[in-house]
Amino acid sequence: MRPNKSYFLLLSFLAFHLNCTTQKIQSPYSDRSIQLEGWEKVCKSERVFPQWYLFWGAYPIREWKEQEFFPDSKRSYRISIKTTWLDGVVSALGGLTISITRKTWVIEDCVIDGPEETK
């Protein structure tokens, strides 16, 4: 039996609909917000979190906890999501064969300027 045009359109719609997802990041501290820095600030260190996804980025395989991203409420942070060469290879090969992709979250630790830093 040969698939018809409506079957193909339905599968295409479902595949594109799976990629309509939202990732939310919030402060892990109930009494304090997280301060994000601009790109002009020099930050001290960075931590890298590789994130694997199913269905071409629709569903994360492992959910990171915000406490892992923001371990200290007295610091400010800068967040970026980038594609490394390994992410590109995994996404190209995994995306074509088994719908697995990967992106790298980079969290940079910065020091908050101002009165909170003085003792």
Protein backbone atom coordinates (compact mmCIF):
# COMPACT_ATOMS: atom_id res chain seq x y z
CA MET A 1 0.00 0.00 0.00
CA ARG A 2 1.37 3.39 -1.02
CA PRO A 3 1.08 6.32 1.43
CA ASN A 4 -1.02 9.16 0.11
CA LYS A 5 -0.43 12.90 0.27
CA SER A 6 -2.60 13.51 3.36
CA TYR A 7 -0.65 10.91 5.35
CA PHE A 8 2.61 12.69 4.48
CA LEU A 9 1.14 16.09 5.44
CA LEU A 10 -0.08 14.73 8.78
CA LEU A 11 3.36 13.29 9.61
CA SER A 12 5.04 16.57 8.57
CA PHE A 13 2.68 18.57 10.79
CA LEU A 14 3.36 16.29 13.77
CA ALA A 15 7.13 16.50 13.24
CA PHE A 16 7.08 20.31 13.12
CA HIS A 17 4.66 20.51 16.06
CA LEU A 18 7.06 18.51 18.24
CA ASN A 19 9.66 21.27 17.88
CA CYS A 20 7.31 23.90 19.37
CA THR A 21 8.65 23.71 22.90
CA THR A 22 9.66 26.20 25.58
CA GLN A 23 12.56 25.99 27.98
CA LYS A 24 12.19 28.01 31.16
CA ILE A 25 14.90 29.03 33.57
CA GLN A 26 14.04 30.50 36.94
CA SER A 27 15.76 31.36 40.19
CA PRO A 28 16.13 28.37 42.51
CA TYR A 29 15.91 30.73 45.50
CA SER A 30 12.42 31.60 46.71
CA ASP A 31 13.54 34.84 48.39
CA ARG A 32 15.97 36.19 45.79
CA SER A 33 16.14 36.72 42.06
CA ILE A 34 19.09 35.87 39.82
CA GLN A 35 21.04 38.70 38.21
CA LEU A 36 22.13 38.18 34.61
CA GLU A 37 25.11 40.10 33.23
CA GLY A 38 25.60 41.71 29.85
CA TRP A 39 28.28 40.66 27.37
CA GLU A 40 30.56 43.59 28.24
CA LYS A 41 31.25 42.30 31.78
CA VAL A 42 34.26 40.07 32.35
CA CYS A 43 33.29 36.93 34.23
CA LYS A 44 35.68 34.68 36.17
CA SER A 45 34.77 31.14 35.24
CA GLU A 46 32.40 29.08 33.16
CA ARG A 47 30.67 25.77 33.58
CA VAL A 48 29.56 23.68 30.63
CA PHE A 49 26.36 21.62 30.55
CA PRO A 50 25.87 19.43 27.46
CA GLN A 51 22.16 18.90 26.82
CA TRP A 52 20.87 16.00 24.74
CA TYR A 53 17.46 16.16 23.06
CA LEU A 54 15.04 13.74 21.42
CA PHE A 55 12.95 14.50 18.33
CA TRP A 56 15.30 17.18 16.95
CA GLY A 57 15.36 19.31 20.08
CA ALA A 58 11.76 18.90 21.20
CA TYR A 59 12.34 16.96 24.42
CA PRO A 60 15.41 17.24 26.67
CA ILE A 61 16.71 13.86 27.79
CA ARG A 62 18.02 15.20 31.12
CA GLU A 63 16.52 18.18 32.89
CA TRP A 64 19.12 20.29 34.67
CA LYS A 65 18.11 21.72 38.01
CA GLU A 66 18.36 25.49 38.39
CA GLN A 67 20.45 24.96 41.53
CA GLU A 68 23.12 23.39 39.29
CA PHE A 69 23.08 26.44 37.00
CA PHE A 70 23.01 29.01 39.83
CA PRO A 71 24.73 27.52 42.91
CA ASP A 72 25.38 30.85 44.69
CA SER A 73 22.74 33.53 45.15
CA LYS A 74 25.44 36.17 45.74
CA ARG A 75 26.82 35.89 42.20
CA SER A 76 25.58 37.12 38.90
CA TYR A 77 25.57 34.92 35.82
CA ARG A 78 25.68 34.99 32.06
CA ILE A 79 23.97 32.22 30.06
CA SER A 80 24.66 31.19 26.50
CA ILE A 81 23.65 28.22 24.41
CA LYS A 82 26.08 27.25 21.71
CA THR A 83 26.76 24.50 19.26
CA THR A 84 30.24 23.01 19.54
CA TRP A 85 31.82 20.88 16.83
CA LEU A 86 30.82 17.77 18.80
CA ASP A 87 27.24 19.07 19.08
CA GLY A 88 27.19 19.56 15.30
CA VAL A 89 28.46 16.05 14.57
CA VAL A 90 26.05 14.44 17.04
CA SER A 91 23.12 16.47 15.70
CA ALA A 92 23.97 15.76 12.06
CA LEU A 93 24.41 12.02 12.51
CA GLY A 94 21.91 11.50 15.32
CA GLY A 95 19.32 13.82 13.79
CA LEU A 96 19.34 11.94 10.50
CA THR A 97 19.21 8.48 12.02
CA ILE A 98 17.51 8.49 15.44
CA SER A 99 16.38 12.12 15.97
CA ILE A 100 18.90 12.89 18.74
CA THR A 101 20.50 16.32 18.88
CA ARG A 102 22.77 18.11 21.33
CA LYS A 103 23.47 21.69 22.43
CA THR A 104 25.87 23.05 25.04
CA TRP A 105 24.71 25.41 27.79
CA VAL A 106 27.49 27.64 29.12
CA ILE A 107 26.95 29.33 32.49
CA GLU A 108 29.54 31.98 33.39
CA ASP A 109 30.00 32.98 37.03
CA CYS A 110 30.40 36.70 37.64
CA VAL A 111 30.76 38.82 40.76
CA ILE A 112 27.97 41.23 41.63
CA ASP A 113 29.26 44.80 41.80
CA GLY A 114 27.94 46.98 44.56
CA PRO A 115 27.22 46.96 48.29
CA GLU A 116 26.48 43.23 48.52
CA GLU A 117 30.09 42.44 47.69
CA THR A 118 31.65 44.58 50.44
CA LYS A 119 32.07 43.27 53.96
